[in-house]
Protein backbone atom coordinates (compact mmCIF):
# COMPACT_ATOMS: atom_id res chain seq x y z
CA MET A 1 0.08 0.06 -0.07
CA LYS A 2 1.39 3.35 -0.95
CA LEU A 3 1.79 5.58 1.73
CA LEU A 4 0.64 9.23 0.90
CA LYS A 5 2.11 12.45 2.29
CA PHE A 6 0.58 15.69 2.55
CA SER A 7 1.54 19.03 4.13
CA PHE A 8 0.17 20.78 7.39
CA PHE A 9 -1.66 23.08 5.35
CA THR A 10 -3.13 20.26 3.03
CA LEU A 11 -4.62 18.11 6.30
CA LEU A 12 -5.95 21.25 7.76
CA PHE A 13 -7.76 22.19 4.24
CA ILE A 14 -9.03 18.28 4.16
CA SER A 15 -10.22 18.40 7.94
CA VAL A 16 -12.43 21.98 7.22
CA THR A 17 -13.44 20.91 3.99
CA GLY A 18 -13.47 17.05 3.81
CA SER A 19 -12.19 16.91 0.28
CA LYS A 20 -8.36 17.56 -1.01
CA PRO A 21 -7.54 20.90 -2.42
CA SER A 22 -7.32 21.29 -6.14
CA LYS A 23 -3.49 21.61 -7.24
CA GLN A 24 -4.12 24.29 -9.85
CA SER A 25 -5.95 27.49 -10.98
CA ASN A 26 -6.47 28.77 -14.07
CA LYS A 27 -5.69 32.07 -12.82
CA MET A 28 -2.26 34.12 -13.02
CA ASN A 29 -0.30 34.33 -9.76
CA VAL A 30 2.75 36.77 -9.28
CA LEU A 31 5.77 35.68 -7.49
CA PHE A 32 7.67 39.54 -6.88
CA ILE A 33 11.20 39.35 -6.13
CA ILE A 34 12.87 42.63 -5.10
CA ALA A 35 16.69 43.21 -4.17
CA ASP A 36 18.09 45.83 -2.06
CA ASP A 37 20.37 48.57 -3.42
CA LEU A 38 21.01 46.08 -6.53
CA ASN A 39 22.57 47.68 -10.02
CA CYS A 40 22.94 46.05 -13.36
CA ALA A 41 26.45 44.16 -12.29
CA LEU A 42 24.59 41.07 -12.99
CA GLY A 43 25.70 38.23 -15.74
CA ALA A 44 22.34 38.68 -17.64
CA TYR A 45 23.21 42.39 -17.82
CA GLY A 46 26.70 41.78 -19.55
CA ASP A 47 28.93 41.79 -16.37
CA PRO A 48 31.92 39.64 -17.25
CA ILE A 49 32.57 39.56 -13.58
CA ALA A 50 29.56 38.80 -11.83
CA ILE A 51 28.61 35.30 -10.97
CA THR A 52 25.04 35.05 -10.73
CA PRO A 53 23.66 31.79 -12.56
CA ASN A 54 20.00 31.96 -11.10
CA ILE A 55 19.30 35.38 -12.61
CA ASP A 56 20.93 34.89 -16.07
CA LYS A 57 18.75 32.03 -16.00
CA LEU A 58 15.46 33.98 -15.32
CA ALA A 59 16.45 36.28 -18.04
CA LYS A 60 16.95 33.42 -20.49
CA GLU A 61 13.49 32.31 -19.74
CA GLY A 62 11.66 35.52 -20.01
CA LEU A 63 12.31 39.32 -20.79
CA LEU A 64 14.94 41.65 -19.64
CA PHE A 65 14.64 45.02 -19.81
CA SER A 66 18.01 46.66 -20.23
CA ASN A 67 16.87 50.58 -19.63
CA THR A 68 15.20 50.66 -16.42
CA HIS A 69 14.99 53.46 -14.34
CA VAL A 70 13.93 54.02 -10.66
CA GLN A 71 11.63 57.17 -9.89
CA TYR A 72 13.85 58.55 -6.65
CA PRO A 73 16.83 56.92 -6.04
CA LEU A 74 16.99 56.32 -2.33
CA CYS A 75 14.77 53.18 -0.65
CA GLY A 76 11.78 54.73 1.00
CA PRO A 77 10.52 56.79 -1.90
CA SER A 78 11.25 54.12 -4.26
CA ARG A 79 9.54 51.45 -2.56
CA VAL A 80 6.41 53.76 -1.89
CA SER A 81 6.45 54.83 -5.71
CA LEU A 82 6.56 51.44 -7.09
CA MET A 83 4.07 50.06 -4.69
CA THR A 84 1.49 52.39 -5.59
CA GLY A 85 2.12 52.93 -9.58
CA LEU A 86 2.97 56.98 -8.69
CA TYR A 87 5.60 59.56 -9.01
CA PRO A 88 6.97 60.84 -5.81
CA ASP A 89 5.59 64.38 -6.65
CA GLN A 90 2.33 62.34 -6.49
CA THR A 91 2.74 60.28 -3.59
CA LYS A 92 4.52 63.51 -1.72
CA SER A 93 6.96 60.97 -0.08
CA LYS A 94 10.42 61.58 -0.76
CA LYS A 95 12.17 60.82 2.63
CA LEU A 96 12.88 57.64 4.74
CA ARG A 97 10.79 56.81 7.72
CA LEU A 98 7.70 57.88 6.05
CA TYR A 99 4.50 55.25 5.94
CA VAL A 100 2.77 55.42 2.57
CA ARG A 101 -0.65 56.23 4.43
CA GLN A 102 0.87 59.15 6.10
CA THR A 103 1.03 61.23 2.81
CA ILE A 104 -1.82 59.25 0.54
CA PRO A 105 -4.26 57.57 3.24
CA ASN A 106 -6.59 56.16 0.41
CA VAL A 107 -4.04 54.51 -2.05
CA ILE A 108 -4.70 51.20 -3.19
CA THR A 109 -1.36 49.40 -3.48
CA LEU A 110 -0.38 47.07 -5.45
CA GLY A 111 -0.74 44.37 -2.92
CA GLN A 112 -4.22 45.56 -1.56
CA LYS A 113 -5.43 45.37 -5.20
CA PHE A 114 -5.01 41.74 -4.58
CA ARG A 115 -6.54 41.52 -1.56
CA MET A 116 -9.54 43.16 -2.99
CA GLU A 117 -9.89 40.58 -5.89
CA ASN A 118 -9.63 37.76 -3.38
CA TYR A 119 -5.82 36.96 -4.03
CA HIS A 120 -3.95 36.14 -0.75
CA SER A 121 -1.32 38.80 -0.57
CA VAL A 122 1.73 37.90 1.07
CA ARG A 123 5.21 39.44 2.02
CA VAL A 124 8.63 37.94 3.34
CA GLY A 125 11.22 40.57 3.94
CA LYS A 126 11.82 43.85 2.85
CA ILE A 127 8.69 45.68 0.34
CA TYR A 128 8.54 48.63 1.90
CA HIS A 129 11.46 50.94 3.57
CA TYR A 130 13.24 49.22 6.43
CA HIS A 131 16.66 50.75 7.89
CA ASN A 132 18.74 48.08 6.45
CA PRO A 133 20.11 46.34 8.59
CA ARG A 134 19.13 48.15 11.97
CA ASP A 135 15.25 47.20 11.07
CA ILE A 136 15.85 43.64 10.10
CA GLY A 137 12.80 41.43 12.16
CA THR A 138 10.71 44.08 12.43
CA ALA A 139 7.83 45.02 10.06
CA GLY A 140 9.86 48.22 9.56
CA HIS A 141 7.69 50.68 7.42
CA ASP A 142 5.19 48.44 6.23
CA ASP A 143 2.05 49.03 5.26
CA SER A 144 -1.12 46.72 6.95
CA TYR A 145 -3.50 47.22 4.12
CA THR A 146 -1.34 45.36 1.43
CA TRP A 147 -0.95 41.98 2.98
CA ASP A 148 -2.65 39.40 4.46
CA ARG A 149 0.41 37.84 5.96
CA THR A 150 3.77 38.75 6.42
CA VAL A 151 7.07 37.27 7.68
CA ASN A 152 9.83 39.29 9.04
CA PRO A 153 13.34 37.13 9.11
CA TYR A 154 15.96 37.62 11.55
CA GLY A 155 19.40 35.84 10.97
CA ARG A 156 22.78 35.28 11.73
CA ASP A 157 23.83 38.82 9.91
CA LYS A 158 22.10 40.33 12.70
CA LEU A 159 23.28 38.38 15.50
CA GLU A 160 26.64 38.71 14.12
CA GLU A 161 26.88 42.53 13.63
CA HIS A 162 29.61 43.33 16.18
CA LYS A 163 31.63 41.52 13.56
CA LEU A 164 31.79 43.85 10.79
CA ILE A 165 34.51 45.52 9.43
CA GLY A 166 33.73 49.01 8.22
CA LEU A 167 34.80 52.75 7.45
CA LYS A 168 33.50 54.01 10.27
CA PRO A 169 33.66 53.24 14.63
CA ARG A 170 30.00 52.94 14.61
CA LEU A 171 28.26 51.49 11.62
CA ASP A 172 24.79 51.69 10.16
CA GLY A 173 22.87 51.39 6.91
CA GLY A 174 24.68 54.23 5.47
CA THR A 175 28.14 53.38 5.68
CA LEU A 176 30.51 50.82 3.45
CA SER A 177 30.71 47.83 5.78
CA TRP A 178 31.54 44.31 4.97
CA PHE A 179 32.05 40.76 6.79
CA GLN A 180 32.87 36.70 5.49
CA ALA A 181 30.39 35.09 7.48
CA GLU A 182 30.80 31.25 8.53
CA GLY A 183 27.95 29.22 8.28
CA THR A 184 25.17 28.19 5.74
CA ASP A 185 22.93 30.04 3.29
CA GLU A 186 19.99 29.29 5.31
CA GLU A 187 21.18 31.06 8.48
CA GLN A 188 21.42 34.13 7.20
CA THR A 189 18.40 36.57 6.99
CA ASP A 190 17.88 36.29 3.26
CA GLY A 191 18.36 32.50 3.09
CA ILE A 192 15.23 32.53 5.95
CA GLY A 193 13.20 34.58 4.03
CA ALA A 194 13.74 32.27 0.90
CA THR A 195 12.94 29.32 3.34
CA GLU A 196 9.75 31.01 4.35
CA THR A 197 9.07 32.05 0.47
CA ILE A 198 9.41 28.10 -0.31
CA GLY A 199 7.11 27.57 2.23
CA PHE A 200 4.43 29.82 0.92
CA LEU A 201 4.80 28.05 -2.42
CA ASP A 202 4.48 24.48 -1.18
CA GLU A 203 0.93 25.74 1.08
CA PHE A 204 -0.45 27.44 -2.45
CA SER A 205 0.40 24.87 -4.19
CA GLN A 206 -1.39 22.60 -2.29
CA SER A 207 -4.58 24.59 -1.65
CA GLY A 208 -4.68 25.70 -5.13
CA GLU A 209 -5.21 29.53 -3.72
CA ASN A 210 -4.04 32.58 -5.99
CA PHE A 211 -1.25 34.53 -4.49
CA PHE A 212 0.52 37.56 -4.70
CA LEU A 213 3.67 36.96 -2.81
CA ALA A 214 6.46 39.38 -2.77
CA TYR A 215 9.90 38.08 -1.65
CA GLY A 216 12.14 41.13 -0.75
CA LEU A 217 15.87 40.56 -0.09
CA TYR A 218 18.19 42.43 2.32
CA ARG A 219 20.91 42.24 0.43
CA PRO A 220 22.93 43.21 -1.40
CA HIS A 221 22.89 46.62 0.73
CA VAL A 222 25.40 47.02 3.33
CA PRO A 223 26.26 45.67 5.33
CA PHE A 224 27.96 43.14 2.53
CA ILE A 225 27.70 40.09 4.44
CA ALA A 226 27.68 36.58 3.21
CA PRO A 227 29.10 33.07 3.85
CA LYS A 228 32.73 32.71 2.74
CA LYS A 229 32.17 30.70 -0.09
CA TYR A 230 30.75 33.47 -1.92
CA PHE A 231 33.86 35.72 -1.37
CA ASP A 232 35.99 32.85 -2.88
CA LEU A 233 34.35 32.84 -5.76
CA TYR A 234 36.24 36.35 -6.77
CA ASP A 235 39.82 37.45 -6.27
CA ASN A 236 40.89 41.32 -5.65
CA THR A 237 42.38 41.36 -8.62
CA ASP A 238 39.57 40.54 -10.79
CA PHE A 239 38.31 44.20 -10.53
CA THR A 240 39.05 48.04 -10.94
CA VAL A 241 37.37 50.90 -9.05
CA PRO A 242 37.02 54.14 -11.30
CA GLN A 243 39.18 57.08 -9.80
CA SER A 244 37.61 60.70 -10.11
CA ASN A 245 39.32 64.05 -8.75
CA ASP A 246 37.89 67.40 -7.71
CA ASP A 247 38.81 68.72 -11.22
CA TYR A 248 35.70 66.71 -12.65
CA LEU A 249 33.53 68.30 -10.31
CA ASN A 250 34.04 72.00 -11.82
CA THR A 251 32.34 70.48 -14.82
CA ILE A 252 28.94 69.87 -13.37
CA PRO A 253 26.49 71.65 -11.58
CA ASP A 254 26.73 72.08 -7.57
CA PRO A 255 24.13 69.90 -6.70
CA ALA A 256 25.13 67.06 -8.64
CA ALA A 257 28.95 67.57 -7.64
CA ILE A 258 27.63 67.44 -3.62
CA SER A 259 25.75 64.42 -4.49
CA VAL A 260 28.88 62.41 -5.28
CA ARG A 261 30.61 63.97 -2.41
CA SER A 262 27.95 63.23 0.34
CA LYS A 263 29.73 60.95 2.33
CA LYS A 264 33.44 62.01 3.25
CA GLU A 265 34.57 58.73 4.75
CA GLN A 266 34.18 57.10 1.46
CA VAL A 267 35.57 59.43 -0.90
CA ASN A 268 38.88 58.70 -2.01
CA LEU A 269 39.35 55.09 -0.46
CA ASP A 270 42.72 53.54 -0.61
CA PRO A 271 42.48 51.54 -4.08
CA ASP A 272 43.15 48.05 -2.57
CA LEU A 273 40.54 48.60 0.15
CA ALA A 274 38.19 50.01 -2.59
CA LYS A 275 38.47 46.48 -4.66
CA ASP A 276 37.86 44.62 -1.48
CA ILE A 277 34.57 46.59 -0.81
CA LYS A 278 33.87 46.26 -4.22
CA LEU A 279 34.60 42.63 -4.31
CA ALA A 280 32.37 41.98 -1.00
CA TYR A 281 29.60 43.59 -3.10
CA TYR A 282 29.60 41.22 -5.77
CA ALA A 283 30.16 38.48 -3.48
CA THR A 284 27.10 39.37 -1.70
CA THR A 285 24.84 39.55 -5.05
CA SER A 286 26.02 35.79 -5.47
CA PHE A 287 24.68 35.10 -2.70
CA MET A 288 21.47 36.82 -3.16
CA ASP A 289 21.44 34.77 -6.62
CA ALA A 290 21.44 31.61 -4.92
CA GLN A 291 18.33 32.17 -2.92
CA ILE A 292 16.21 33.56 -5.38
CA GLY A 293 17.78 30.36 -7.14
CA ARG A 294 15.83 28.44 -4.65
CA VAL A 295 12.82 29.77 -4.75
CA LEU A 296 13.21 29.54 -8.44
CA ASP A 297 13.61 25.80 -8.25
CA LYS A 298 10.59 25.50 -5.63
CA LEU A 299 8.29 27.33 -8.18
CA LYS A 300 8.97 24.57 -11.05
CA ALA A 301 8.91 21.86 -8.38
CA THR A 302 5.45 22.62 -7.60
CA GLY A 303 4.08 23.16 -11.16
CA LEU A 304 3.30 26.58 -10.04
CA ASP A 305 5.32 28.08 -12.83
CA LYS A 306 3.03 26.94 -15.42
CA ASN A 307 0.63 29.79 -13.90
CA THR A 308 2.68 32.04 -12.37
CA ILE A 309 4.45 35.44 -13.98
CA VAL A 310 7.78 36.25 -11.87
CA VAL A 311 9.30 39.88 -11.73
CA PHE A 312 12.74 40.46 -10.40
CA THR A 313 13.95 44.03 -9.68
CA SER A 314 15.70 46.45 -7.31
CA ASP A 315 14.45 49.33 -5.88
CA HIS A 316 17.43 51.67 -7.20
CA GLY A 317 20.79 51.07 -8.43
CA TYR A 318 24.21 51.49 -6.89
CA HIS A 319 27.44 53.44 -7.13
CA LEU A 320 30.59 51.34 -6.78
CA GLY A 321 33.33 54.21 -6.98
CA GLU A 322 31.43 55.72 -10.31
CA HIS A 323 31.98 59.58 -10.19
CA GLY A 324 34.16 59.19 -6.34
CA HIS A 325 30.68 58.04 -5.34
CA TRP A 326 29.58 54.75 -3.25
CA GLN A 327 25.80 53.75 -2.98
CA LYS A 328 23.08 55.66 -4.19
CA GLN A 329 21.22 59.32 -4.58
CA THR A 330 22.40 60.31 -7.78
CA LEU A 331 21.03 61.32 -10.69
CA PHE A 332 23.51 59.01 -12.26
CA GLU A 333 22.61 56.20 -14.39
CA ALA A 334 24.88 54.02 -11.96
CA ALA A 335 22.02 55.12 -8.91
CA THR A 336 18.86 55.06 -11.33
CA ARG A 337 19.01 52.04 -13.32
CA VAL A 338 18.12 48.68 -11.67
CA PRO A 339 17.58 44.92 -13.51
CA LEU A 340 14.20 44.42 -14.68
CA ILE A 341 13.52 40.67 -15.49
CA ILE A 342 9.90 39.30 -16.29
CA SER A 343 9.02 36.04 -17.03
CA GLY A 344 6.42 33.68 -17.06
CA PRO A 345 3.75 31.80 -19.29
CA SER A 346 2.26 35.46 -20.23
CA VAL A 347 5.94 36.16 -21.88
CA LYS A 348 5.96 34.80 -25.35
CA ASN A 349 8.98 37.19 -26.62
CA ILE A 350 11.59 34.84 -24.30
CA ASN A 351 14.99 35.33 -24.00
CA GLN A 352 15.09 38.90 -25.70
CA VAL A 353 16.40 42.26 -24.45
CA ILE A 354 14.24 45.34 -24.66
CA ASP A 355 16.55 48.32 -25.01
CA SER A 356 13.73 51.20 -24.85
CA PRO A 357 13.13 53.46 -21.52
CA VAL A 358 10.80 51.98 -18.67
CA GLU A 359 9.83 52.78 -15.17
CA LEU A 360 9.44 51.05 -12.06
CA VAL A 361 6.02 52.80 -11.93
CA ASP A 362 5.07 50.67 -15.32
CA LEU A 363 4.93 47.57 -12.42
CA TYR A 364 1.62 48.03 -11.34
CA PRO A 365 -0.41 48.27 -14.47
CA THR A 366 1.67 45.41 -16.29
CA ILE A 367 0.98 43.33 -13.47
CA MET A 368 -2.71 44.39 -13.69
CA ASP A 369 -2.98 43.33 -17.34
CA VAL A 370 -1.37 40.02 -16.46
CA VAL A 371 -3.76 38.78 -14.11
CA ASP A 372 -6.61 41.05 -16.03
CA PHE A 373 -7.55 42.98 -13.13
CA GLN A 374 -8.67 46.70 -14.11
CA THR A 375 -5.98 49.09 -13.22
CA PRO A 376 -6.96 51.74 -10.51
CA SER A 377 -7.49 55.20 -12.33
CA PHE A 378 -4.71 57.01 -9.91
CA VAL A 379 -2.10 54.76 -11.55
CA SER A 380 0.76 56.50 -13.70
CA GLY A 381 2.53 53.78 -14.97
CA LYS A 382 2.05 52.21 -18.61
CA SER A 383 1.86 48.74 -18.80
CA LEU A 384 4.67 46.77 -20.42
CA VAL A 385 2.74 43.94 -21.74
CA PRO A 386 3.04 45.09 -25.19
CA TYR A 387 6.71 43.31 -24.92
CA PHE A 388 5.61 40.18 -24.13
CA GLU A 389 4.78 39.69 -27.65
CA LYS A 390 7.43 41.39 -29.36
CA SER A 391 10.10 43.90 -29.53
CA ASP A 392 9.54 46.47 -32.00
CA VAL A 393 6.92 48.68 -29.71
CA VAL A 394 7.50 51.82 -28.17
CA VAL A 395 5.81 52.32 -24.63
CA ARG A 396 7.58 55.37 -23.46
CA THR A 397 10.79 57.48 -25.01
CA SER A 398 12.22 58.25 -21.54
CA ALA A 399 12.17 57.46 -18.23
CA LEU A 400 12.38 60.19 -15.42
CA THR A 401 13.88 60.24 -12.26
CA GLU A 402 13.46 63.11 -9.52
CA LEU A 403 16.14 63.90 -6.65
CA GLN A 404 16.38 66.32 -4.20
CA VAL A 405 19.71 67.35 -2.47
CA ALA A 406 20.21 69.31 0.63
CA ILE A 407 22.83 72.01 0.51
CA LYS A 408 23.27 73.67 3.81
CA ASN A 409 19.75 75.17 4.70
CA LYS A 410 18.49 74.91 1.03
CA THR A 411 17.18 72.55 -1.32
CA ALA A 412 18.08 71.96 -4.30
CA GLN A 413 15.37 69.99 -6.58
CA GLY A 414 16.61 67.79 -9.51
CA TYR A 415 14.78 65.55 -12.22
CA GLY A 416 16.66 63.41 -14.94
CA ILE A 417 15.03 61.92 -18.44
CA GLN A 418 17.19 58.73 -19.95
CA THR A 419 16.29 58.05 -23.71
CA ASN A 420 17.67 55.31 -25.82
CA ARG A 421 20.77 57.38 -26.24
CA TYR A 422 20.92 60.58 -23.83
CA ARG A 423 20.64 61.44 -20.20
CA LEU A 424 19.30 65.35 -19.51
CA ASN A 425 19.38 66.37 -15.68
CA GLN A 426 18.03 69.41 -14.72
CA TRP A 427 18.69 71.30 -11.07
CA TYR A 428 16.62 73.96 -9.73
CA TYR A 429 19.31 75.69 -6.95
CA LYS A 430 19.17 79.48 -6.03
CA GLU A 431 16.19 80.19 -8.13
CA ASN A 432 18.40 78.88 -11.05
CA LEU A 433 18.36 76.26 -13.69
CA SER A 434 21.30 74.01 -14.74
CA TYR A 435 22.22 70.96 -16.96
CA GLU A 436 23.85 68.09 -17.45
CA LEU A 437 24.06 66.19 -20.57
CA TYR A 438 25.40 63.01 -21.31
CA ASP A 439 25.86 61.01 -24.61
CA HIS A 440 26.33 57.62 -23.88
CA GLN A 441 27.13 56.29 -27.79
CA TYR A 442 30.14 57.95 -26.39
CA ASP A 443 30.20 58.45 -23.47
CA LYS A 444 28.50 55.55 -21.42
CA TYR A 445 29.73 56.36 -17.80
CA GLU A 446 28.46 60.31 -18.36
CA LEU A 447 31.92 61.64 -17.47
CA GLU A 448 31.62 64.29 -19.99
CA ASN A 449 28.61 67.08 -19.56
CA LEU A 450 27.41 68.20 -22.78
CA ALA A 451 25.19 70.70 -21.82
CA ASN A 452 27.52 73.57 -22.76
CA ASN A 453 28.46 72.09 -25.80
CA ILE A 454 27.17 74.22 -28.65
CA ASN A 455 27.39 71.01 -31.11
CA TYR A 456 24.55 69.61 -28.44
CA PHE A 457 22.58 72.72 -27.81
CA SER A 458 19.54 71.76 -29.90
CA ILE A 459 19.46 68.31 -28.40
CA LYS A 460 19.55 70.06 -25.22
CA ASP A 461 16.68 72.23 -26.11
CA SER A 462 14.71 69.46 -27.71
CA LEU A 463 15.30 67.15 -24.17
CA ALA A 464 14.76 69.90 -22.08
CA ALA A 465 11.41 70.34 -23.47
CA VAL A 466 10.77 66.73 -23.00
CA LEU A 467 11.55 67.04 -19.39
CA LYS A 468 9.61 69.66 -18.70
CA SER A 469 6.55 67.72 -20.24
CA ARG A 470 7.33 65.00 -17.94
CA ILE A 471 8.05 67.08 -14.85
CA SER A 472 4.53 68.76 -15.28
CA GLU A 473 2.78 65.34 -15.81
CA ALA A 474 4.36 63.76 -12.68
CA ARG A 475 3.44 66.50 -10.62
CA ALA A 476 -0.46 66.34 -11.91
CA LYS A 477 -2.52 65.15 -9.31
CA PRO A 478 -3.79 61.69 -10.28
CA VAL A 479 -7.58 61.06 -10.93
CA GLY A 480 -9.25 58.85 -7.80
CA LEU A 481 -6.26 59.03 -5.57
CA GLY A 482 -7.91 61.08 -2.99
CA LYS A 483 -6.11 63.14 -0.20
CA GLN A 484 -2.54 64.03 -0.44
CA ILE A 485 -1.03 65.38 2.30
CA ASN A 486 2.48 67.82 1.94
CA ASN A 487 5.47 68.20 4.13
CA ALA A 488 4.46 64.73 6.46
CA MET A 489 7.16 64.25 8.95
CA PRO A 490 8.96 60.82 9.14
CA SER A 491 8.30 58.73 12.14
CA PHE A 492 10.08 59.83 14.95
CA GLU A 493 13.28 57.74 15.91
CA PRO A 494 14.70 57.04 19.10
CA LYS A 495 18.39 56.99 19.35
CA ARG A 496 19.93 54.00 18.77
CA PHE A 497 23.14 52.39 19.48
CA TYR A 498 25.09 50.74 16.82
CA PRO A 499 27.88 47.89 16.54
CA LYS A 500 31.15 49.20 16.92
CA GLN A 501 33.64 48.45 14.22
CA LYS A 502 35.70 45.57 14.68
């Protein structure tokens, strides 16, 4: 006699209903995976050093968007933007420590929309803003309206923070720090998150319930922590770190120059130290890739891949010494560009690269189209589903990003657009406009500001007109959004003690 094995959730279902659940549903599910502070240093994006086999495989099975940009290159504002399909000028959320409903209390978030449609909406890890690593294990600045269930993993990386190596005596989420950990992947916070996500996939495969399952990783955000085996994948000599001098700063507007010199302890690092830090970032990225691989393997093992779309992205890019800067909060491509890969049965145009500019606000309407829901009227993004059938369509001609830079007691307001070829950044500071213009055909690293080059004046004027129109659209109040609250104060944050440097 064959012994049947059922999960706890299956047995519970049988005890309540008297029957086994169905294994499949005709409706589409969504597995949404988002990394933290991940740039495009991935094999699928052409990086010859990065070891990211699972993300690379996902790209071959799906559609890779090579020109995707965030709407604000900072965790909190970016995550609120993508979860609402709104621009930061519409969410009124441009700082950390803001809950989404402090500024737009009546919004229907992406996960909330699934709940309204009788899907199960689940969060594992970081989707809205957390102070990383400080708030690991808590709910961070989460939104309870978005989810039916949540999991806040807490791993060995938190327990061993006292072992970190870093650039300041007291380390926080804004300081470069790193550590080669002992133990297994499953002991790390993201490894625990992968295990929990796998558990939900097992559950849904048994219950047949439709789901929006969001797995948010905390890496490769600092501290760059991964088991030692991932550091061993790389060698210090594999890496080079761009050099930058102060003469370069004189060629760009003051706010741009200040943005790339904002963290004094991270400027002009010793070259060998800089290589070690870059290696740590790549090692942590490889660790992150392995956890995603575990989840994707389970998706296929359960058969849920037959009716599940996978969306993989990051909340913003990350400088690794470009322009003399580390981390984010600039209007350069290193901070605004993110990976975006979409895979699943809805995607027919597989193993293709879309070079046209797209935005993270486009994810909300794209996902709505995939699951055949009506997109809420307030959503400002545009559906990317036309690319699922063919590459030679145009959804957008530019991608818009915004950034505010504090300069003493004043704020410089920046906006930038990326087209297929050009980047134009505009800064408003002290009642004056200043510009940066880069031609990616000849200058993919954005090192030569052409804004004052007479040969580019007509291009600059044309792009400035496009940018003006884009800003106007991004500031318009969306129909059906409800109340918008300006100048909301970030949540009170008591003084914390941080681990001292080893």
